[in-house]
Amino acid sequence: MRKILNVEYGFVHAYYWMYYGIVGSFASAFLSDKGYSSGDIGTILGIGCILAIVLQPFMADMGDRSKRISVFGIAQIIAFAMLIGTLGIFVFDRKSIALSVIFVGLIAWVTALQPLFNYMAFKISTSGYHVNFGLARSGGSLGYSLICMILGHLVEAFGVRTIPMTGIAVLLLLLLVIWLLRRNFIKACRITGKGSLLNNVDFGRYDGEQEASDDFKGGSSEDSKFKELQAAEYGPGEVQISVDVHGEEITLSKFIKKNKLFFILNIAVVFIFFNNGVLNSFLYQIVGNVGGSSGDMGAIFSLMAFCEIPTLVLFDKIMKRVSCRTLMKVASVAFALKILTFYLAGSTTLMFAAQVFQPFAFATFLPAMIHFTDQVMKPGEAVKGQALFTMMIALSTVAASVLGGYIIDFMGEKALLLVSVAMSVVGACILFCYVGKVPDREDVR
């Protein structure tokens, strides 16, 4: 059962990041073909990310507190909404307000899904079966790598209509694998007598058959008598879980006030991930500036994602030897060196070479920050902590998209890359100053 859960969770990340690549990384190629300028594209991506920032606290609170629908159910509803939106793209041949609105919605929802999928690892582990997040996330990198390589060539050969067509196929697969994962998670809970589909419900005191049949049925009136599920400790290097049953309701503003140092650290994320947002949004223009094509863009995205896989697969072992705090410092420096290499590149060759930093940059920072957040957050605040991290990435993407589009229009791609280098250096400095000051939560030893 442990293997099944890990494989299915890995496929969730694979299909999610495939779709993220389709609607996010290929947005410039698709919208440019419809008559949008770089500034227009940046504005659309930026507004989508702003909307995601608004949505994510709501989604996080649902993940933490909802007694009527599980995290799997929430993810299925959002994925289905994205499927309808992707189908709607086919109606439009040129630039229009309606097309812009649909794209804003797709960007918002796909970004809002990320903390829910991250949280699934910890939710599944409450069943007593360890989930290797790094290994599962490597499935996302592999999926992203494959889709970017394939889609880059499809767009060159058959045009941009292949982008939404591929997105529809991927979303159908995502809906299927979430359903399978939910079903097997329920089976795992029955086998071990631990965990539950819905929040704040002890599996041992809840009717598993009802839970399996109806995602929307809430807990009984005896919920308040149930024992709090304490942190489930597994083997060395495995995920620790804390599920808060009677925790105090907390808004995002109160959460930030209670965790000021953690919030300042997340400000560093905005600067560090600026260059990541620039590359995701405008690699099509950056590559074109040195004579590259959409095929080159897809190949660079593919190599970028493929280089992440070894680090993500081995992350549990790496974390046994090196602390998350140190890994985040290493990653911040690697981010800066990577974007500096892009700035110095006069052809796509050096841009390909810049991916040597990717295993130490994104592939290290993402799981390190996720595990670090789990280490420092109190019970009942885990999803909010993850959501704040994701919100800061989204905010960084907003800045990169909106500013980046207009910088390209008025000053060119090189100027945007130079700004990205400066942002990365500032972010690294903030992180080095504050990452050691954020205290672990009291129950982490």
Protein backbone atom coordinates (compact mmCIF):
# COMPACT_ATOMS: atom_id res chain seq x y z
CA MET A 1 0.00 0.00 0.00
CA ARG A 2 2.85 2.39 0.79
CA LYS A 3 4.24 1.91 -2.72
CA ILE A 4 0.83 2.46 -4.33
CA LEU A 5 0.27 5.68 -2.40
CA ASN A 6 3.70 7.02 -3.31
CA VAL A 7 3.32 6.14 -6.98
CA GLU A 8 -0.13 7.70 -7.23
CA TYR A 9 0.96 10.81 -5.35
CA GLY A 10 3.91 11.06 -7.74
CA PHE A 11 1.50 10.97 -10.69
CA VAL A 12 -0.56 13.75 -9.08
CA HIS A 13 2.55 15.94 -9.15
CA ALA A 14 3.44 14.76 -12.66
CA TYR A 15 0.10 15.74 -14.17
CA TYR A 16 -0.17 18.93 -12.10
CA TRP A 17 3.24 20.19 -13.23
CA MET A 18 2.52 19.11 -16.79
CA TYR A 19 -0.51 21.37 -16.80
CA TYR A 20 1.43 24.12 -15.03
CA GLY A 21 3.98 23.96 -17.85
CA ILE A 22 1.25 24.03 -20.49
CA VAL A 23 -0.72 27.02 -19.18
CA GLY A 24 2.17 28.86 -17.51
CA SER A 25 5.40 28.25 -19.40
CA PHE A 26 3.76 28.21 -22.84
CA ALA A 27 1.50 31.19 -22.14
CA SER A 28 3.85 33.56 -23.97
CA ALA A 29 3.93 31.37 -27.07
CA PHE A 30 0.14 30.97 -27.10
CA LEU A 31 -0.81 34.57 -26.34
CA SER A 32 1.86 36.06 -28.63
CA ASP A 33 0.30 34.11 -31.49
CA LYS A 34 -3.09 35.63 -30.60
CA GLY A 35 -1.73 39.18 -30.90
CA TYR A 36 -0.72 40.00 -27.30
CA SER A 37 2.41 42.07 -26.55
CA SER A 38 4.92 41.15 -23.83
CA GLY A 39 3.34 43.81 -21.59
CA ASP A 40 -0.12 42.35 -22.20
CA ILE A 41 1.11 38.85 -21.41
CA GLY A 42 2.84 40.01 -18.24
CA THR A 43 -0.31 41.78 -17.10
CA ILE A 44 -2.45 38.68 -17.66
CA LEU A 45 -0.02 36.44 -15.79
CA GLY A 46 0.34 39.01 -13.04
CA ILE A 47 -3.40 39.43 -12.49
CA GLY A 48 -3.78 35.64 -12.45
CA CYS A 49 -1.17 35.37 -9.72
CA ILE A 50 -2.77 38.21 -7.72
CA LEU A 51 -6.07 36.35 -7.84
CA ALA A 52 -4.24 33.21 -6.72
CA ILE A 53 -2.84 35.12 -3.74
CA VAL A 54 -6.41 36.05 -2.79
CA LEU A 55 -7.61 32.47 -3.24
CA GLN A 56 -4.81 30.67 -1.42
CA PRO A 57 -5.65 31.68 2.19
CA PHE A 58 -9.20 30.49 1.55
CA MET A 59 -7.94 27.23 0.04
CA ALA A 60 -5.46 26.77 2.88
CA ASP A 61 -8.15 27.28 5.50
CA MET A 62 -10.35 24.72 3.77
CA GLY A 63 -7.44 22.26 3.75
CA ASP A 64 -6.77 22.86 7.46
CA ARG A 65 -10.34 23.05 8.79
CA SER A 66 -12.98 21.65 6.45
CA LYS A 67 -15.07 18.84 7.93
CA ARG A 68 -17.31 18.47 4.89
CA ILE A 69 -14.95 18.02 1.97
CA SER A 70 -11.48 16.51 1.85
CA VAL A 71 -8.36 17.97 0.30
CA PHE A 72 -8.83 15.44 -2.53
CA GLY A 73 -12.36 16.69 -3.18
CA ILE A 74 -11.24 20.33 -3.23
CA ALA A 75 -8.50 19.50 -5.74
CA GLN A 76 -10.96 17.63 -7.98
CA ILE A 77 -13.39 20.56 -8.08
CA ILE A 78 -10.63 23.01 -9.05
CA ALA A 79 -9.20 20.66 -11.68
CA PHE A 80 -12.66 20.25 -13.24
CA ALA A 81 -13.11 24.04 -13.34
CA MET A 82 -9.75 24.33 -15.14
CA LEU A 83 -10.87 21.67 -17.62
CA ILE A 84 -13.92 23.78 -18.54
CA GLY A 85 -11.73 26.88 -18.88
CA THR A 86 -9.22 25.10 -21.11
CA LEU A 87 -12.03 23.90 -23.37
CA GLY A 88 -13.19 27.51 -23.63
CA ILE A 89 -9.87 28.65 -25.11
CA PHE A 90 -10.72 27.00 -28.42
CA VAL A 91 -13.46 29.58 -29.09
CA PHE A 92 -11.00 32.44 -29.58
CA ASP A 93 -8.70 33.03 -32.55
CA ARG A 94 -7.46 36.51 -31.66
CA LYS A 95 -6.83 38.80 -28.70
CA SER A 96 -10.01 39.48 -26.72
CA ILE A 97 -11.19 40.42 -23.23
CA ALA A 98 -12.89 37.03 -22.81
CA LEU A 99 -9.71 35.12 -23.69
CA SER A 100 -7.77 37.27 -21.24
CA VAL A 101 -10.29 36.55 -18.47
CA ILE A 102 -10.16 32.80 -19.08
CA PHE A 103 -6.36 32.81 -19.01
CA VAL A 104 -6.34 34.84 -15.79
CA GLY A 105 -8.64 32.24 -14.23
CA LEU A 106 -6.50 29.31 -15.35
CA ILE A 107 -3.33 30.88 -13.95
CA ALA A 108 -5.08 31.64 -10.67
CA TRP A 109 -6.51 28.18 -10.13
CA VAL A 110 -3.42 26.23 -11.15
CA THR A 111 -1.36 28.32 -8.71
CA ALA A 112 -3.94 27.91 -5.93
CA LEU A 113 -3.73 24.12 -6.27
CA GLN A 114 -0.04 23.95 -5.33
CA PRO A 115 -0.29 24.18 -1.51
CA LEU A 116 -3.10 21.63 -1.53
CA PHE A 117 -0.99 19.13 -3.43
CA ASN A 118 1.97 19.82 -1.11
CA TYR A 119 -0.29 19.25 1.90
CA MET A 120 -1.52 15.94 0.47
CA ALA A 121 1.83 14.36 1.36
CA PHE A 122 1.30 15.09 5.05
CA LYS A 123 -2.37 14.14 4.88
CA ILE A 124 -1.60 10.76 3.31
CA SER A 125 1.11 10.10 5.89
CA THR A 126 -1.47 10.28 8.70
CA SER A 127 -2.54 6.83 7.52
CA GLY A 128 0.76 5.47 8.84
CA TYR A 129 2.36 5.06 5.42
CA HIS A 130 5.34 7.33 4.75
CA VAL A 131 5.18 9.56 1.68
CA ASN A 132 8.50 10.56 0.15
CA PHE A 133 7.73 14.12 -0.95
CA GLY A 134 11.02 14.62 -2.76
CA LEU A 135 10.51 11.46 -4.83
CA ALA A 136 6.91 12.43 -5.64
CA ARG A 137 7.93 15.97 -6.57
CA SER A 138 10.56 14.53 -8.88
CA GLY A 139 7.65 12.98 -10.75
CA GLY A 140 6.42 16.53 -11.25
CA SER A 141 9.78 17.58 -12.66
CA LEU A 142 9.85 14.58 -14.98
CA GLY A 143 6.33 15.30 -16.18
CA TYR A 144 7.15 18.97 -16.71
CA SER A 145 10.34 18.02 -18.55
CA LEU A 146 8.54 15.64 -20.90
CA ILE A 147 5.62 17.97 -21.65
CA CYS A 148 7.90 20.93 -22.40
CA MET A 149 10.05 18.91 -24.77
CA ILE A 150 7.04 17.40 -26.57
CA LEU A 151 4.95 20.56 -26.65
CA GLY A 152 7.83 22.70 -27.91
CA HIS A 153 8.06 20.51 -31.02
CA LEU A 154 4.27 20.22 -31.39
CA VAL A 155 3.88 24.00 -31.38
CA GLU A 156 6.62 24.35 -34.02
CA ALA A 157 5.03 21.67 -36.21
CA PHE A 158 1.28 22.19 -35.74
CA GLY A 159 0.75 25.60 -34.12
CA VAL A 160 -0.46 26.86 -30.77
CA ARG A 161 -3.79 25.00 -30.84
CA THR A 162 -1.82 21.98 -29.58
CA ILE A 163 -1.34 23.82 -26.25
CA PRO A 164 -4.98 23.71 -25.00
CA MET A 165 -5.51 20.27 -26.61
CA THR A 166 -2.63 18.87 -24.56
CA GLY A 167 -3.92 20.66 -21.46
CA ILE A 168 -7.32 18.96 -21.72
CA ALA A 169 -5.74 15.50 -21.94
CA VAL A 170 -3.50 16.19 -18.94
CA LEU A 171 -6.38 17.48 -16.78
CA LEU A 172 -8.44 14.35 -17.47
CA LEU A 173 -5.51 12.24 -16.30
CA LEU A 174 -5.09 14.44 -13.21
CA LEU A 175 -8.75 14.00 -12.24
CA LEU A 176 -8.41 10.24 -12.63
CA VAL A 177 -5.28 9.91 -10.49
CA ILE A 178 -6.68 12.12 -7.69
CA TRP A 179 -9.72 9.83 -7.56
CA LEU A 180 -7.50 6.74 -7.39
CA LEU A 181 -5.30 8.29 -4.68
CA ARG A 182 -8.34 9.21 -2.58
CA ARG A 183 -9.71 5.69 -2.83
CA ASN A 184 -6.41 4.06 -1.82
CA PHE A 185 -5.85 6.54 1.02
CA ILE A 186 -9.19 5.41 2.50
CA LYS A 187 -8.07 1.78 2.16
CA ALA A 188 -4.80 2.63 3.90
CA CYS A 189 -6.69 4.24 6.80
CA ARG A 190 -8.77 1.08 7.20
CA ILE A 191 -5.68 -1.14 7.20
CA THR A 192 -3.79 0.83 9.83
CA GLY A 193 -6.71 2.32 11.78
CA LYS A 194 -5.00 5.72 11.53
CA GLY A 195 -5.87 8.94 9.75
CA SER A 196 -9.11 9.94 8.05
CA LEU A 197 -10.37 11.41 4.82
CA LEU A 198 -11.99 14.38 6.56
CA ASN A 199 -10.31 16.72 9.04
CA ASN A 200 -10.70 16.50 12.82
CA VAL A 201 -12.06 12.96 12.70
CA ASP A 202 -10.34 9.98 14.33
CA PHE A 203 -10.59 7.04 11.91
CA GLY A 204 -10.99 4.60 14.78
CA ARG A 205 -14.21 6.34 15.91
CA TYR A 206 -15.61 7.16 12.46
CA ASP A 207 -17.55 5.05 10.01
CA GLY A 208 -15.07 4.34 7.24
CA GLU A 209 -17.77 3.20 4.83
CA GLN A 210 -19.55 6.54 5.10
CA GLU A 211 -16.25 8.31 4.69
CA ALA A 212 -15.45 6.39 1.54
CA SER A 213 -18.83 6.91 -0.05
CA ASP A 214 -19.43 10.59 0.63
CA ASP A 215 -16.68 13.20 0.57
CA PHE A 216 -19.14 15.86 1.66
CA LYS A 217 -20.51 14.20 4.82
CA GLY A 218 -19.29 15.89 7.98
CA GLY A 219 -18.20 14.34 11.26
CA SER A 220 -20.67 13.32 13.96
CA SER A 221 -21.68 15.36 17.00
CA GLU A 222 -19.20 13.30 19.03
CA ASP A 223 -16.25 14.86 17.17
CA SER A 224 -15.46 17.10 20.13
CA LYS A 225 -14.80 14.02 22.29
CA PHE A 226 -12.24 12.56 19.96
CA LYS A 227 -8.63 12.36 21.00
CA GLU A 228 -6.22 14.75 19.32
CA LEU A 229 -4.05 12.96 16.77
CA GLN A 230 -0.50 13.51 17.94
CA ALA A 231 2.50 13.77 15.63
CA ALA A 232 3.08 10.41 13.96
CA GLU A 233 6.76 9.57 14.04
CA TYR A 234 8.21 7.21 11.46
CA GLY A 235 11.72 6.18 10.56
CA PRO A 236 14.73 8.48 10.23
CA GLY A 237 14.29 11.13 7.58
CA GLU A 238 10.60 10.44 7.14
CA VAL A 239 7.81 12.99 7.32
CA GLN A 240 6.49 14.02 10.71
CA ILE A 241 2.79 14.80 10.91
CA SER A 242 0.86 16.96 13.34
CA VAL A 243 -2.92 17.25 13.01
CA ASP A 244 -4.60 19.83 15.21
CA VAL A 245 -8.18 19.02 16.22
CA HIS A 246 -9.01 21.67 18.79
CA GLY A 247 -6.65 24.40 17.52
CA GLU A 248 -7.74 28.01 17.65
CA GLU A 249 -9.11 29.50 14.44
CA ILE A 250 -6.51 31.88 13.04
CA THR A 251 -6.68 34.34 10.16
CA LEU A 252 -3.76 34.96 7.83
CA SER A 253 -3.08 38.40 9.38
CA LYS A 254 -2.96 36.88 12.89
CA PHE A 255 -0.78 34.08 11.55
CA ILE A 256 1.73 36.62 10.21
CA LYS A 257 1.77 38.56 13.49
CA LYS A 258 2.48 35.34 15.41
CA ASN A 259 5.24 34.32 12.99
CA LYS A 260 7.02 37.58 12.11
CA LEU A 261 10.46 36.10 11.49
CA PHE A 262 8.96 33.39 9.30
CA PHE A 263 7.15 36.10 7.35
CA ILE A 264 10.36 38.11 6.84
CA LEU A 265 12.04 34.95 5.58
CA ASN A 266 9.21 34.57 3.11
CA ILE A 267 9.90 38.12 1.87
CA ALA A 268 13.27 36.75 0.75
CA VAL A 269 11.38 34.19 -1.32
CA VAL A 270 9.82 37.04 -3.36
CA PHE A 271 13.28 38.27 -4.39
CA ILE A 272 14.83 34.83 -4.86
CA PHE A 273 12.02 33.52 -7.06
CA PHE A 274 11.82 36.68 -9.20
CA ASN A 275 14.20 35.20 -11.76
CA ASN A 276 12.25 31.95 -11.73
CA GLY A 277 9.11 33.92 -12.64
CA VAL A 278 10.97 35.81 -15.37
CA LEU A 279 12.14 32.60 -17.00
CA ASN A 280 8.76 30.89 -16.72
CA SER A 281 6.92 33.87 -18.21
CA PHE A 282 9.38 35.21 -20.79
CA LEU A 283 11.81 32.47 -21.78
CA TYR A 284 10.14 32.52 -25.21
CA GLN A 285 11.23 36.15 -25.67
CA ILE A 286 14.62 35.67 -23.98
CA VAL A 287 15.48 32.72 -26.22
CA GLY A 288 14.20 34.56 -29.30
CA ASN A 289 16.49 37.50 -28.48
CA VAL A 290 19.55 35.29 -29.08
CA GLY A 291 18.14 33.55 -32.16
CA GLY A 292 16.31 30.64 -30.53
CA SER A 293 12.88 29.14 -31.35
CA SER A 294 9.91 27.66 -29.47
CA GLY A 295 11.64 24.29 -29.83
CA ASP A 296 14.71 25.68 -28.03
CA MET A 297 12.46 27.13 -25.34
CA GLY A 298 10.80 23.76 -24.79
CA ALA A 299 14.17 22.01 -24.70
CA ILE A 300 15.55 24.45 -22.11
CA PHE A 301 12.45 24.07 -19.94
CA SER A 302 12.74 20.30 -20.34
CA LEU A 303 16.41 20.20 -19.35
CA MET A 304 15.71 22.58 -16.47
CA ALA A 305 13.11 20.22 -15.04
CA PHE A 306 15.10 17.06 -15.77
CA CYS A 307 18.10 18.40 -13.84
CA GLU A 308 15.90 18.75 -10.74
CA ILE A 309 15.08 15.05 -10.54
CA PRO A 310 18.25 13.65 -8.85
CA THR A 311 18.06 16.22 -6.05
CA LEU A 312 14.35 15.66 -5.48
CA VAL A 313 14.69 11.86 -5.48
CA LEU A 314 17.57 11.96 -3.01
CA PHE A 315 16.28 14.81 -0.89
CA ASP A 316 15.26 12.66 2.10
CA LYS A 317 18.83 11.34 2.30
CA ILE A 318 20.36 14.78 1.79
CA MET A 319 18.18 16.20 4.58
CA LYS A 320 19.62 13.63 7.03
CA ARG A 321 23.08 15.10 6.53
CA VAL A 322 22.39 18.78 5.86
CA SER A 323 19.84 20.99 7.60
CA CYS A 324 17.03 22.65 5.67
CA ARG A 325 18.39 26.04 6.72
CA THR A 326 21.78 25.34 5.11
CA LEU A 327 20.16 23.90 2.00
CA MET A 328 18.10 27.06 1.57
CA LYS A 329 21.27 29.17 1.74
CA VAL A 330 22.93 27.03 -0.93
CA ALA A 331 19.84 27.26 -3.12
CA SER A 332 19.64 31.06 -2.90
CA VAL A 333 23.23 31.38 -4.17
CA ALA A 334 22.55 28.88 -6.97
CA PHE A 335 19.51 30.91 -8.10
CA ALA A 336 21.71 34.01 -8.43
CA LEU A 337 24.44 32.19 -10.36
CA LYS A 338 21.92 30.66 -12.74
CA ILE A 339 20.28 33.93 -13.76
CA LEU A 340 23.72 35.59 -14.02
CA THR A 341 24.67 32.93 -16.57
CA PHE A 342 21.52 33.72 -18.57
CA TYR A 343 22.46 37.40 -18.52
CA LEU A 344 25.94 36.64 -19.87
CA ALA A 345 24.64 34.29 -22.59
CA GLY A 346 24.96 35.40 -26.22
CA SER A 347 23.36 32.23 -27.56
CA THR A 348 21.16 29.38 -26.39
CA THR A 349 24.27 27.24 -25.71
CA LEU A 350 25.14 29.06 -22.47
CA MET A 351 21.46 29.07 -21.50
CA PHE A 352 21.49 25.29 -21.70
CA ALA A 353 24.72 25.27 -19.67
CA ALA A 354 23.09 27.43 -16.97
CA GLN A 355 20.94 24.45 -15.99
CA VAL A 356 23.92 22.99 -14.14
CA PHE A 357 22.77 25.21 -11.24
CA GLN A 358 19.18 23.92 -11.30
CA PRO A 359 19.75 20.89 -8.97
CA PHE A 360 21.08 23.29 -6.33
CA ALA A 361 18.52 26.06 -6.94
CA PHE A 362 14.83 25.29 -7.41
CA ALA A 363 15.18 21.54 -6.77
CA THR A 364 16.82 22.20 -3.40
CA PHE A 365 14.90 25.28 -2.27
CA LEU A 366 11.38 23.95 -2.83
CA PRO A 367 11.50 20.76 -0.68
CA ALA A 368 13.81 22.41 1.86
CA MET A 369 11.35 25.25 2.40
CA ILE A 370 8.39 22.85 2.59
CA HIS A 371 10.09 20.69 5.24
CA PHE A 372 11.41 23.76 7.05
CA THR A 373 7.86 25.13 7.21
CA ASP A 374 6.63 21.89 8.74
CA GLN A 375 9.42 22.07 11.32
CA VAL A 376 8.61 25.58 12.49
CA MET A 377 4.81 25.72 12.20
CA LYS A 378 2.57 24.87 15.15
CA PRO A 379 -0.17 22.23 14.77
CA GLY A 380 -3.14 23.59 12.86
CA GLU A 381 -1.01 26.15 10.99
CA ALA A 382 0.80 23.80 8.60
CA VAL A 383 -1.26 24.53 5.50
CA LYS A 384 -1.23 28.29 6.21
CA GLY A 385 2.55 28.16 6.43
CA GLN A 386 2.75 26.29 3.13
CA ALA A 387 0.23 28.69 1.60
CA LEU A 388 2.24 31.74 2.71
CA PHE A 389 5.32 30.29 0.99
CA THR A 390 3.32 29.61 -2.18
CA MET A 391 1.73 33.07 -1.97
CA MET A 392 5.18 34.66 -1.90
CA ILE A 393 6.18 32.69 -4.98
CA ALA A 394 2.96 33.90 -6.60
CA LEU A 395 3.70 37.49 -5.56
CA SER A 396 7.18 37.13 -7.04
CA THR A 397 5.63 35.84 -10.25
CA VAL A 398 3.28 38.85 -10.30
CA ALA A 399 6.23 41.24 -10.05
CA ALA A 400 8.25 39.29 -12.62
CA SER A 401 5.32 39.09 -15.04
CA VAL A 402 4.06 42.67 -14.85
CA LEU A 403 7.44 44.40 -14.58
CA GLY A 404 9.12 41.91 -16.89
CA GLY A 405 6.68 42.41 -19.74
CA TYR A 406 7.06 46.19 -19.74
CA ILE A 407 10.83 46.06 -19.22
CA ILE A 408 11.08 43.88 -22.34
CA ASP A 409 8.79 46.21 -24.32
CA PHE A 410 10.72 49.36 -23.38
CA MET A 411 14.26 48.24 -22.53
CA GLY A 412 14.76 44.74 -23.88
CA GLU A 413 15.44 41.25 -22.61
CA LYS A 414 18.98 41.96 -21.36
CA ALA A 415 17.73 44.69 -19.04
CA LEU A 416 15.19 42.28 -17.56
CA LEU A 417 17.88 39.68 -16.91
CA LEU A 418 20.09 42.28 -15.18
CA VAL A 419 17.19 43.28 -12.90
CA SER A 420 16.69 39.57 -12.13
CA VAL A 421 20.32 39.19 -11.08
CA ALA A 422 19.99 42.12 -8.66
CA MET A 423 16.75 40.74 -7.19
CA SER A 424 18.37 37.33 -6.59
CA VAL A 425 21.30 38.87 -4.73
CA VAL A 426 18.97 40.90 -2.47
CA GLY A 427 16.89 37.79 -1.70
CA ALA A 428 19.95 35.73 -0.83
CA CYS A 429 21.15 38.44 1.58
CA ILE A 430 17.80 38.57 3.40
CA LEU A 431 17.66 34.79 3.67
CA PHE A 432 21.20 34.54 5.06
CA CYS A 433 20.29 37.10 7.73
CA TYR A 434 17.01 35.55 8.91
CA VAL A 435 16.87 31.82 8.20
CA GLY A 436 18.80 31.02 11.37
CA LYS A 437 16.56 33.21 13.54
CA VAL A 438 13.24 31.40 12.91
CA PRO A 439 12.71 29.03 15.89
CA ASP A 440 11.60 25.42 15.53
CA ARG A 441 8.20 24.64 16.99
CA GLU A 442 8.33 23.21 20.50
CA ASP A 443 7.36 19.64 19.54
CA VAL A 444 10.20 19.25 17.01
CA ARG A 445 13.28 17.67 18.47
